[in-house]
Amino acid sequence: MTWEWLRLHCAMTSASRGMSAVSLLTDSTSYSRTSSYSSNTTNNYEDEINAKRFFLGSASEREIPTGKTSLLGAIFVVTNAAMGAGMLSFPYAFYLAGSWYWGISVEVGMIPIIIISLLILAYCSELKQAVTCEETLGLMLGPAAKIITEILVLLYCFGTCVAFLTIMGDQIEDVTFAFKYHNESVSEQWWANRKFLVPIVAILLIYPWLYLRKIGILSYTSFLGILSCVYICLVIVVNYFVTEGNIKCNAPKYYHSTDCSRSWTSFFNSIPFVCFAFQCHVSSIPVYSGLKKRSVGRFFLVIVAAVFLCTLLYSLTGSFGLITFSKKGLCINSDIMRNYCPTDIPVSVARGMLFLCLITSYPILAFCGRVSLDGFVYRLASCCCKRDHYSWAPSWLTAQSIVTFANIQVWMFGSLVLAVFVKEIKEVVSPLGSLAAVFIFVLPGLCLLKLSLQFHFNGKIKNVIGMIFSLSIISFGVFIFADDLIYNIMEEAGVF
């Protein structure tokens, strides 16, 4: 495993867990290959990245290991980018779909669109010679699309950090629950409260890592992502056969699995959970740009292999997790780990692996979020300052540490406040799944529509088919986003 591959792997590790590797991997080459823009726009991009490099320092100077990732390495990176916290919600997503076979049907139905959308992004990246998602969309759809994509990626990263802390809170709560078997008074102690333990653990174990200027050291633990997902899947499958009397239920009563109705609302509400679990589109373009003997055909093999591995683990986790508890008339929690007894040793090992994975993944997301926030500060400063880039850059040198420090505080404590008051992981994953639907359906659909309207493909029929397909997936993505948004608002209002 070469260091170049590790650096790419580190950048991709938390994309499924919502991370954008884009900001981490952005460098001067990302803006120098903008041939389709006017010369003024190209010069603006070059000026922007030069000043941004000066302002951000080492955080933005990472170079992408172009053309050095093997086919097998790319498969591993994309798989690791897709897998993560979303897998824990698959039994609950299958419950919302109506049953395990309806849940698998949702997966199978979405797989072709997921693969096609990844190919569209790879094709656009090759066409525009872009190496990041934001740059590709900016070159395809205009500078406004680049800014909107950056905002969406920033929200996605921040939301995933909240999801990480929420899952950590679930595991901490189960650990304190285990102590009840030995001391009933533990649950009554103030220090055993989730609202106290989550901030303490986050500040002691995560907060110091946020000040790293280089996060390459975290790449050595990034393999825990796939390893913990595989182990959790095995635990769930094995527990299906040996879990007699070893079940704990914490989910709300109104999600009791004995009432598995398949209304159109609950069925479509399962799709955002699937989207969140399969979202690797943001990081797919850097992976494609770093692929050895790069071509869309070779990347197709990478996508098919990665999606197959994800589908296998997700299907097993969702099906056996749902059947294990629904056959006994018990409820399904949106974090399936909470359904298992906290004193079970294999489950405790799985919680430990998951906990360590989240601790090492959170700083990577926060690093990318800090770079994005610093970039927005740079834009604000460049808009307000009429002087030349380098005339005001030295004045920023003294303020850089203050801006970075402020961004870290906002990111850490903002996510902590939200995570402490989030009751269930579904309250975070569902909105993130809606954003994932935008990355999977809407943005690639807009790129394909732009190509079709420009009659980029040979033959009128191909362009017409491209228009119809792009409009279809755009409409579907907007529908999923709007449906989930309205459902969450109505649920908060007490309608459901």
Protein backbone atom coordinates (compact mmCIF):
# COMPACT_ATOMS: atom_id res chain seq x y z
CA MET A 1 0.00 0.00 0.00
CA THR A 2 1.79 3.12 -1.21
CA TRP A 3 1.72 6.47 0.56
CA GLU A 4 0.12 8.09 -2.50
CA TRP A 5 -2.74 5.62 -2.29
CA LEU A 6 -3.03 6.21 1.45
CA ARG A 7 -3.38 9.92 0.94
CA LEU A 8 -6.20 9.39 -1.55
CA HIS A 9 -7.70 6.75 0.72
CA CYS A 10 -7.63 9.15 3.66
CA ALA A 11 -9.40 11.78 1.63
CA MET A 12 -12.07 9.34 0.51
CA THR A 13 -12.61 7.54 3.84
CA SER A 14 -15.43 9.60 5.21
CA ALA A 15 -17.26 10.60 2.09
CA SER A 16 -19.98 7.92 2.77
CA ARG A 17 -20.13 9.13 6.12
CA GLY A 18 -20.84 12.41 4.43
CA MET A 19 -17.41 13.74 3.96
CA SER A 20 -16.35 15.76 0.96
CA ALA A 21 -12.90 14.82 -0.19
CA VAL A 22 -13.17 17.67 -2.60
CA SER A 23 -11.96 20.43 -0.34
CA LEU A 24 -9.17 18.24 1.00
CA LEU A 25 -7.91 17.38 -2.46
CA THR A 26 -8.26 20.79 -4.10
CA ASP A 27 -4.99 22.26 -5.38
CA SER A 28 -3.75 24.49 -8.14
CA THR A 29 -4.28 21.83 -10.81
CA SER A 30 -7.98 21.86 -10.00
CA TYR A 31 -8.25 25.34 -11.42
CA SER A 32 -5.64 25.36 -14.14
CA ARG A 33 -7.58 22.96 -16.38
CA THR A 34 -10.52 25.20 -17.19
CA SER A 35 -10.26 25.30 -20.96
CA SER A 36 -13.98 25.69 -21.56
CA TYR A 37 -14.15 28.93 -19.59
CA SER A 38 -13.27 32.34 -20.90
CA SER A 39 -9.76 33.60 -20.28
CA ASN A 40 -11.02 36.04 -17.63
CA THR A 41 -12.72 33.27 -15.68
CA THR A 42 -9.58 31.14 -15.92
CA ASN A 43 -7.45 33.97 -14.59
CA ASN A 44 -9.90 34.52 -11.74
CA TYR A 45 -9.69 30.85 -10.84
CA GLU A 46 -5.87 30.95 -10.88
CA ASP A 47 -5.81 34.10 -8.75
CA GLU A 48 -8.29 32.56 -6.35
CA ILE A 49 -6.34 29.37 -5.81
CA ASN A 50 -3.03 31.26 -5.43
CA ALA A 51 -4.41 33.52 -2.72
CA LYS A 52 -6.30 30.62 -1.16
CA ARG A 53 -3.07 28.59 -0.99
CA PHE A 54 -1.32 31.48 0.74
CA PHE A 55 -4.20 31.94 3.17
CA LEU A 56 -4.86 28.29 4.02
CA GLY A 57 -1.30 27.07 4.09
CA SER A 58 -0.70 23.33 4.14
CA ALA A 59 -4.39 22.51 4.41
CA SER A 60 -4.88 23.34 0.73
CA GLU A 61 -1.52 22.37 -0.70
CA ARG A 62 -2.17 18.64 -0.98
CA GLU A 63 -1.61 17.21 -4.44
CA ILE A 64 -3.78 14.51 -5.93
CA PRO A 65 -1.84 11.31 -6.75
CA THR A 66 -2.91 11.37 -10.40
CA GLY A 67 -2.79 8.13 -12.33
CA LYS A 68 -1.27 5.99 -9.57
CA THR A 69 -4.31 4.20 -8.12
CA SER A 70 -4.73 0.63 -9.30
CA LEU A 71 -8.07 -0.84 -10.28
CA LEU A 72 -8.27 -2.83 -7.04
CA GLY A 73 -7.23 0.17 -4.99
CA ALA A 74 -9.91 2.33 -6.63
CA ILE A 75 -12.54 -0.31 -5.87
CA PHE A 76 -11.50 -0.30 -2.22
CA VAL A 77 -11.54 3.50 -2.04
CA VAL A 78 -15.01 3.84 -3.61
CA THR A 79 -16.38 1.06 -1.41
CA ASN A 80 -14.94 2.71 1.68
CA ALA A 81 -16.36 6.05 0.54
CA ALA A 82 -19.86 4.60 0.28
CA MET A 83 -19.91 2.45 3.41
CA GLY A 84 -20.33 3.88 6.86
CA ALA A 85 -22.99 5.05 9.26
CA GLY A 86 -25.73 4.57 6.66
CA MET A 87 -25.49 0.79 7.00
CA LEU A 88 -26.76 0.94 10.58
CA SER A 89 -30.09 2.35 9.36
CA PHE A 90 -30.74 -0.25 6.67
CA PRO A 91 -32.96 -2.54 8.80
CA TYR A 92 -35.06 0.51 9.62
CA ALA A 93 -35.12 1.53 5.95
CA PHE A 94 -36.29 -1.98 5.03
CA TYR A 95 -38.98 -1.67 7.68
CA LEU A 96 -40.18 1.59 6.13
CA ALA A 97 -40.22 -0.10 2.72
CA GLY A 98 -42.61 -2.74 4.11
CA SER A 99 -40.44 -5.86 4.32
CA TRP A 100 -36.97 -7.13 3.54
CA TYR A 101 -37.85 -8.02 -0.06
CA TRP A 102 -39.40 -4.61 -0.69
CA GLY A 103 -36.26 -3.03 0.77
CA ILE A 104 -34.04 -5.04 -1.56
CA SER A 105 -36.34 -4.02 -4.42
CA VAL A 106 -35.65 -0.36 -3.62
CA GLU A 107 -31.92 -1.09 -3.66
CA VAL A 108 -32.01 -3.02 -6.92
CA GLY A 109 -34.17 -0.36 -8.55
CA MET A 110 -31.74 2.41 -7.60
CA ILE A 111 -28.51 0.61 -8.49
CA PRO A 112 -28.70 1.24 -12.28
CA ILE A 113 -29.35 4.96 -11.71
CA ILE A 114 -26.51 5.17 -9.16
CA ILE A 115 -24.08 3.55 -11.62
CA ILE A 116 -25.21 5.73 -14.54
CA SER A 117 -24.97 8.91 -12.48
CA LEU A 118 -21.42 8.02 -11.43
CA LEU A 119 -20.51 7.41 -15.07
CA ILE A 120 -22.01 10.78 -16.04
CA LEU A 121 -19.84 12.56 -13.49
CA ALA A 122 -16.75 10.64 -14.63
CA TYR A 123 -17.48 11.47 -18.27
CA CYS A 124 -17.96 15.17 -17.47
CA SER A 125 -14.76 15.13 -15.43
CA GLU A 126 -12.86 13.67 -18.40
CA LEU A 127 -14.52 16.09 -20.81
CA LYS A 128 -13.63 19.18 -18.77
CA GLN A 129 -10.40 17.77 -17.32
CA ALA A 130 -11.67 18.50 -13.80
CA VAL A 131 -10.53 16.72 -10.66
CA THR A 132 -13.17 17.67 -8.11
CA CYS A 133 -16.96 17.58 -7.96
CA GLU A 134 -17.28 21.34 -7.48
CA GLU A 135 -14.97 22.09 -10.36
CA THR A 136 -16.76 19.66 -12.68
CA LEU A 137 -20.17 21.15 -11.97
CA GLY A 138 -18.75 24.65 -12.20
CA LEU A 139 -17.30 23.99 -15.64
CA MET A 140 -20.43 22.19 -16.81
CA LEU A 141 -23.16 24.41 -15.36
CA GLY A 142 -21.43 27.68 -14.49
CA PRO A 143 -19.77 29.34 -11.46
CA ALA A 144 -23.09 29.56 -9.58
CA ALA A 145 -23.39 25.76 -9.67
CA LYS A 146 -19.90 25.49 -8.18
CA ILE A 147 -20.84 27.72 -5.25
CA ILE A 148 -24.13 25.88 -4.67
CA THR A 149 -22.31 22.54 -4.74
CA GLU A 150 -19.78 23.79 -2.20
CA ILE A 151 -22.62 24.83 0.11
CA LEU A 152 -24.34 21.46 -0.28
CA VAL A 153 -21.09 19.61 0.41
CA LEU A 154 -20.47 21.78 3.48
CA LEU A 155 -23.95 21.05 4.83
CA TYR A 156 -23.51 17.35 4.08
CA CYS A 157 -20.19 17.19 5.95
CA PHE A 158 -21.56 19.07 8.94
CA GLY A 159 -24.69 16.90 9.07
CA THR A 160 -22.61 13.76 8.96
CA CYS A 161 -20.52 15.00 11.88
CA VAL A 162 -23.76 15.39 13.81
CA ALA A 163 -24.70 11.84 12.79
CA PHE A 164 -21.33 10.57 14.04
CA LEU A 165 -21.79 12.16 17.44
CA THR A 166 -25.36 10.85 17.62
CA ILE A 167 -24.19 7.30 16.94
CA MET A 168 -21.46 7.72 19.53
CA GLY A 169 -24.15 8.82 21.97
CA ASP A 170 -26.16 5.69 21.19
CA GLN A 171 -23.17 3.46 21.93
CA ILE A 172 -22.36 5.37 25.15
CA GLU A 173 -25.96 5.04 26.28
CA ASP A 174 -25.84 1.29 25.75
CA VAL A 175 -22.59 1.03 27.71
CA THR A 176 -24.17 2.82 30.68
CA PHE A 177 -27.20 0.56 30.26
CA ALA A 178 -24.90 -2.45 30.67
CA PHE A 179 -23.78 -1.16 34.08
CA LYS A 180 -27.37 -1.35 35.28
CA TYR A 181 -27.04 -5.10 35.52
CA HIS A 182 -24.42 -4.60 38.22
CA ASN A 183 -25.53 -1.35 39.81
CA GLU A 184 -29.06 -0.01 39.40
CA SER A 185 -28.08 3.38 40.79
CA VAL A 186 -25.77 4.10 37.83
CA SER A 187 -28.63 5.27 35.63
CA GLU A 188 -29.60 7.81 38.29
CA GLN A 189 -26.19 9.46 38.42
CA TRP A 190 -25.73 12.78 36.62
CA TRP A 191 -22.44 11.64 35.09
CA ALA A 192 -24.19 8.70 33.38
CA ASN A 193 -26.42 11.06 31.41
CA ARG A 194 -25.95 11.06 27.64
CA LYS A 195 -26.03 14.87 27.48
CA PHE A 196 -23.00 14.95 29.77
CA LEU A 197 -21.00 12.02 28.39
CA VAL A 198 -21.20 12.85 24.68
CA PRO A 199 -19.61 16.33 25.04
CA ILE A 200 -16.96 14.99 27.43
CA VAL A 201 -15.95 12.16 25.10
CA ALA A 202 -16.00 14.44 22.05
CA ILE A 203 -13.88 17.13 23.71
CA LEU A 204 -11.34 14.65 25.11
CA LEU A 205 -11.02 12.26 22.16
CA ILE A 206 -11.96 14.30 19.05
CA TYR A 207 -11.43 17.99 19.74
CA PRO A 208 -7.58 17.87 19.95
CA TRP A 209 -7.37 16.23 16.50
CA LEU A 210 -9.17 19.16 14.89
CA TYR A 211 -6.04 21.32 15.15
CA LEU A 212 -3.95 19.04 12.94
CA ARG A 213 -2.54 20.90 9.94
CA LYS A 214 -1.95 17.60 8.17
CA ILE A 215 -4.20 14.60 8.71
CA GLY A 216 -2.12 11.96 6.96
CA ILE A 217 -1.63 10.17 10.29
CA LEU A 218 -5.35 9.34 10.33
CA SER A 219 -5.04 7.44 7.05
CA TYR A 220 -3.47 4.52 8.92
CA THR A 221 -6.75 3.89 10.77
CA SER A 222 -9.03 4.50 7.80
CA PHE A 223 -9.20 0.79 6.96
CA LEU A 224 -11.36 0.41 10.07
CA GLY A 225 -14.27 1.77 8.06
CA ILE A 226 -14.80 -1.27 5.85
CA LEU A 227 -13.53 -3.69 8.50
CA SER A 228 -16.06 -2.51 11.08
CA CYS A 229 -18.88 -2.59 8.50
CA VAL A 230 -18.05 -6.19 7.55
CA TYR A 231 -17.83 -7.23 11.21
CA ILE A 232 -21.15 -5.55 12.10
CA CYS A 233 -22.80 -7.31 9.16
CA LEU A 234 -21.45 -10.67 10.34
CA VAL A 235 -22.66 -10.00 13.90
CA ILE A 236 -26.16 -9.20 12.65
CA VAL A 237 -26.32 -12.30 10.46
CA VAL A 238 -25.01 -14.60 13.21
CA ASN A 239 -27.37 -13.10 15.79
CA TYR A 240 -30.29 -14.01 13.56
CA PHE A 241 -29.62 -17.65 14.40
CA VAL A 242 -28.48 -17.34 18.04
CA THR A 243 -30.36 -14.36 19.45
CA GLU A 244 -33.08 -16.14 21.47
CA GLY A 245 -33.86 -13.95 24.49
CA ASN A 246 -30.95 -11.65 23.71
CA ILE A 247 -32.92 -8.66 22.42
CA LYS A 248 -33.27 -5.10 23.67
CA CYS A 249 -35.74 -2.65 22.14
CA ASN A 250 -35.40 1.11 22.39
CA ALA A 251 -37.23 2.37 19.30
CA PRO A 252 -40.40 4.47 19.65
CA LYS A 253 -43.64 2.52 19.91
CA TYR A 254 -45.12 4.11 16.82
CA TYR A 255 -42.43 2.44 14.72
CA HIS A 256 -43.36 -1.04 16.01
CA SER A 257 -42.54 -3.57 13.33
CA THR A 258 -45.73 -5.61 13.77
CA ASP A 259 -47.50 -2.89 11.78
CA CYS A 260 -45.47 -3.03 8.57
CA SER A 261 -47.82 -1.03 6.42
CA ARG A 262 -46.61 -0.16 2.94
CA SER A 263 -48.15 3.23 2.34
CA TRP A 264 -46.62 5.32 -0.39
CA THR A 265 -45.27 7.80 2.16
CA SER A 266 -43.36 5.25 4.24
CA PHE A 267 -42.12 3.48 1.12
CA PHE A 268 -40.65 6.64 -0.39
CA ASN A 269 -39.28 7.69 3.01
CA SER A 270 -37.02 4.65 2.89
CA ILE A 271 -35.25 5.97 -0.23
CA PRO A 272 -33.27 8.77 1.53
CA PHE A 273 -31.72 6.15 3.83
CA VAL A 274 -30.61 4.16 0.78
CA CYS A 275 -29.30 7.33 -0.89
CA PHE A 276 -27.26 8.23 2.19
CA ALA A 277 -25.69 4.76 2.26
CA PHE A 278 -24.75 4.76 -1.45
CA GLN A 279 -23.62 8.39 -1.75
CA CYS A 280 -20.05 8.36 -2.99
CA HIS A 281 -20.56 10.74 -5.90
CA VAL A 282 -18.74 13.67 -4.31
CA SER A 283 -15.57 11.63 -3.96
CA SER A 284 -15.94 9.65 -7.20
CA ILE A 285 -14.34 12.32 -9.40
CA PRO A 286 -11.08 12.53 -7.39
CA VAL A 287 -10.95 8.72 -7.47
CA TYR A 288 -11.48 8.73 -11.23
CA SER A 289 -8.82 11.40 -11.77
CA GLY A 290 -6.30 9.32 -9.82
CA LEU A 291 -7.06 6.03 -11.59
CA LYS A 292 -4.16 4.37 -13.41
CA LYS A 293 -4.81 4.13 -17.19
CA ARG A 294 -7.83 6.31 -16.65
CA SER A 295 -10.89 5.74 -18.81
CA VAL A 296 -14.63 5.72 -18.29
CA GLY A 297 -14.67 2.01 -19.22
CA ARG A 298 -12.19 1.09 -16.48
CA PHE A 299 -14.04 3.26 -13.99
CA PHE A 300 -17.22 1.37 -14.89
CA LEU A 301 -15.57 -1.81 -13.58
CA VAL A 302 -14.65 0.02 -10.38
CA ILE A 303 -18.20 1.25 -9.88
CA VAL A 304 -19.83 -2.13 -10.54
CA ALA A 305 -17.50 -3.94 -8.12
CA ALA A 306 -17.89 -1.31 -5.38
CA VAL A 307 -21.68 -1.12 -5.72
CA PHE A 308 -21.91 -4.92 -5.65
CA LEU A 309 -19.92 -5.13 -2.40
CA CYS A 310 -22.01 -2.39 -0.81
CA THR A 311 -25.27 -3.96 -1.96
CA LEU A 312 -24.24 -7.33 -0.55
CA LEU A 313 -23.43 -5.96 2.91
CA TYR A 314 -26.42 -3.62 2.98
CA SER A 315 -28.85 -6.34 1.91
CA LEU A 316 -27.59 -8.81 4.49
CA THR A 317 -27.62 -6.19 7.25
CA GLY A 318 -31.07 -4.87 6.35
CA SER A 319 -32.71 -8.26 5.80
CA PHE A 320 -31.35 -10.15 8.82
CA GLY A 321 -31.58 -7.11 11.08
CA LEU A 322 -35.26 -6.67 10.20
CA ILE A 323 -36.23 -10.35 10.34
CA THR A 324 -34.42 -10.97 13.64
CA PHE A 325 -36.66 -8.57 15.52
CA SER A 326 -39.81 -8.37 13.43
CA LYS A 327 -40.44 -12.11 13.72
CA LYS A 328 -40.70 -11.60 17.49
CA GLY A 329 -42.96 -8.56 17.12
CA LEU A 330 -40.28 -6.20 18.41
CA CYS A 331 -39.45 -2.73 17.20
CA ILE A 332 -36.69 -1.71 14.80
CA ASN A 333 -34.43 1.14 15.87
CA SER A 334 -32.98 3.49 13.26
CA ASP A 335 -29.58 2.50 14.72
CA ILE A 336 -29.76 -1.29 14.57
CA MET A 337 -26.95 -1.68 17.11
CA ARG A 338 -29.34 -0.42 19.77
CA ASN A 339 -31.56 -3.45 19.29
CA TYR A 340 -28.91 -5.81 20.63
CA CYS A 341 -28.14 -6.55 24.24
CA PRO A 342 -25.32 -4.30 25.52
CA THR A 343 -23.78 -7.19 27.48
CA ASP A 344 -23.28 -9.33 24.38
CA ILE A 345 -19.51 -9.63 23.82
CA PRO A 346 -19.43 -9.77 19.96
CA VAL A 347 -21.82 -6.80 19.83
CA SER A 348 -19.63 -4.93 22.32
CA VAL A 349 -16.60 -5.54 20.08
CA ALA A 350 -18.59 -4.19 17.13
CA ARG A 351 -19.48 -1.09 19.15
CA GLY A 352 -15.83 -0.59 20.03
CA MET A 353 -14.74 -0.82 16.38
CA LEU A 354 -17.52 1.52 15.34
CA PHE A 355 -16.59 3.96 18.10
CA LEU A 356 -12.92 4.05 17.08
CA CYS A 357 -13.88 4.46 13.43
CA LEU A 358 -16.08 7.46 14.22
CA ILE A 359 -13.39 9.09 16.37
CA THR A 360 -10.85 8.92 13.53
CA SER A 361 -13.34 9.88 10.81
CA TYR A 362 -14.80 12.98 12.46
CA PRO A 363 -11.53 15.01 12.25
CA ILE A 364 -11.30 14.33 8.51
CA LEU A 365 -14.76 15.76 7.91
CA ALA A 366 -14.03 18.69 10.19
CA PHE A 367 -10.77 19.32 8.32
CA CYS A 368 -12.63 19.51 5.00
CA GLY A 369 -15.32 21.65 6.59
CA ARG A 370 -12.67 24.02 7.93
CA VAL A 371 -11.09 24.33 4.48
CA SER A 372 -14.50 25.08 2.95
CA LEU A 373 -15.32 27.65 5.61
CA ASP A 374 -11.92 29.26 5.15
CA GLY A 375 -12.64 29.38 1.44
CA PHE A 376 -15.89 31.24 2.04
CA VAL A 377 -14.04 33.68 4.29
CA TYR A 378 -11.50 34.15 1.52
CA ARG A 379 -14.26 34.95 -1.00
CA LEU A 380 -15.84 37.40 1.39
CA ALA A 381 -12.50 39.11 1.94
CA SER A 382 -11.68 39.20 -1.77
CA CYS A 383 -15.07 40.76 -2.52
CA CYS A 384 -14.69 43.41 0.18
CA CYS A 385 -11.07 44.21 -0.65
CA LYS A 386 -10.40 46.15 -3.84
CA ARG A 387 -6.64 45.77 -3.69
CA ASP A 388 -4.52 43.22 -5.49
CA HIS A 389 -4.49 39.68 -4.08
CA TYR A 390 -1.00 39.80 -2.73
CA SER A 391 -1.25 43.30 -1.31
CA TRP A 392 -3.81 42.21 1.25
CA ALA A 393 -2.61 38.61 1.73
CA PRO A 394 0.06 39.45 4.37
CA SER A 395 -2.57 41.16 6.51
CA TRP A 396 -4.46 37.89 6.54
CA LEU A 397 -1.43 36.06 7.84
CA THR A 398 -1.97 37.43 11.33
CA ALA A 399 -5.72 36.72 11.20
CA GLN A 400 -5.44 33.22 9.72
CA SER A 401 -5.05 31.45 13.05
CA ILE A 402 -7.98 33.41 14.49
CA VAL A 403 -10.25 32.53 11.56
CA THR A 404 -9.24 28.85 11.70
CA PHE A 405 -9.73 28.73 15.46
CA ALA A 406 -13.19 30.33 15.15
CA ASN A 407 -14.23 27.90 12.41
CA ILE A 408 -13.15 24.91 14.50
CA GLN A 409 -15.19 26.13 17.48
CA VAL A 410 -18.27 26.70 15.36
CA TRP A 411 -17.94 23.26 13.75
CA MET A 412 -17.22 21.28 16.92
CA PHE A 413 -19.63 22.87 19.34
CA GLY A 414 -22.34 23.44 16.73
CA SER A 415 -22.40 19.73 15.91
CA LEU A 416 -22.24 18.88 19.62
CA VAL A 417 -25.27 20.99 20.47
CA LEU A 418 -27.32 19.38 17.72
CA ALA A 419 -26.14 15.84 18.51
CA VAL A 420 -26.95 16.13 22.22
CA PHE A 421 -30.59 16.92 21.48
CA VAL A 422 -31.07 14.48 18.60
CA LYS A 423 -33.14 11.55 19.86
CA GLU A 424 -32.55 9.11 17.03
CA ILE A 425 -30.11 8.77 14.17
CA LYS A 426 -32.98 8.82 11.67
CA GLU A 427 -33.54 12.49 12.49
CA VAL A 428 -30.12 13.20 10.95
CA VAL A 429 -29.79 10.48 8.32
CA SER A 430 -33.13 11.24 6.70
CA PRO A 431 -32.28 14.90 5.85
CA LEU A 432 -28.78 13.84 4.80
CA GLY A 433 -30.37 11.24 2.54
CA SER A 434 -32.38 14.02 0.92
CA LEU A 435 -29.15 15.90 0.19
CA ALA A 436 -27.63 12.65 -1.08
CA ALA A 437 -30.54 12.37 -3.52
CA VAL A 438 -29.48 15.73 -4.94
CA PHE A 439 -25.92 14.44 -5.46
CA ILE A 440 -27.13 11.15 -6.97
CA PHE A 441 -30.02 12.29 -9.16
CA VAL A 442 -30.25 16.06 -9.61
CA LEU A 443 -26.66 17.19 -10.22
CA PRO A 444 -25.66 14.37 -12.64
CA GLY A 445 -29.04 14.81 -14.35
CA LEU A 446 -28.34 18.50 -14.92
CA CYS A 447 -24.94 17.66 -16.42
CA LEU A 448 -26.49 15.11 -18.78
CA LEU A 449 -29.24 17.57 -19.73
CA LYS A 450 -26.64 20.20 -20.57
CA LEU A 451 -24.77 17.74 -22.80
CA SER A 452 -27.97 16.62 -24.52
CA LEU A 453 -29.18 20.17 -25.14
CA GLN A 454 -25.84 20.95 -26.77
CA PHE A 455 -26.26 17.83 -28.98
CA HIS A 456 -22.98 16.52 -27.64
CA PHE A 457 -23.76 12.90 -28.52
CA ASN A 458 -23.72 11.55 -32.05
CA GLY A 459 -27.21 11.11 -33.38
CA LYS A 460 -30.41 12.97 -32.64
CA ILE A 461 -32.02 9.93 -30.97
CA LYS A 462 -29.21 9.65 -28.40
CA ASN A 463 -29.59 13.29 -27.45
CA VAL A 464 -33.37 12.96 -27.13
CA ILE A 465 -32.96 9.87 -24.95
CA GLY A 466 -30.43 11.77 -22.87
CA MET A 467 -32.89 14.63 -22.38
CA ILE A 468 -35.71 12.31 -21.36
CA PHE A 469 -33.55 10.32 -18.95
CA SER A 470 -31.97 13.42 -17.40
CA LEU A 471 -35.34 15.08 -16.87
CA SER A 472 -36.66 11.84 -15.33
CA ILE A 473 -33.89 11.48 -12.74
CA ILE A 474 -33.92 15.22 -11.99
CA SER A 475 -37.67 15.05 -11.33
CA PHE A 476 -37.25 11.94 -9.20
CA GLY A 477 -34.45 13.53 -7.15
CA VAL A 478 -36.47 16.70 -6.58
CA PHE A 479 -39.48 14.60 -5.58
CA ILE A 480 -37.47 12.58 -3.04
CA PHE A 481 -35.94 15.75 -1.61
CA ALA A 482 -39.30 17.54 -1.35
CA ASP A 483 -41.18 14.49 -0.05
CA ASP A 484 -38.69 13.86 2.75
CA LEU A 485 -38.50 17.56 3.61
CA ILE A 486 -42.28 17.89 3.87
CA TYR A 487 -42.55 14.63 5.82
CA ASN A 488 -39.95 15.76 8.38
CA ILE A 489 -41.64 19.14 8.79
CA MET A 490 -45.05 17.53 9.31
CA GLU A 491 -43.58 14.99 11.72
CA GLU A 492 -42.00 17.77 13.78
CA ALA A 493 -45.35 19.57 13.74
CA GLY A 494 -47.02 16.46 15.19
CA VAL A 495 -49.08 15.61 12.11
CA PHE A 496 -47.67 12.05 12.01
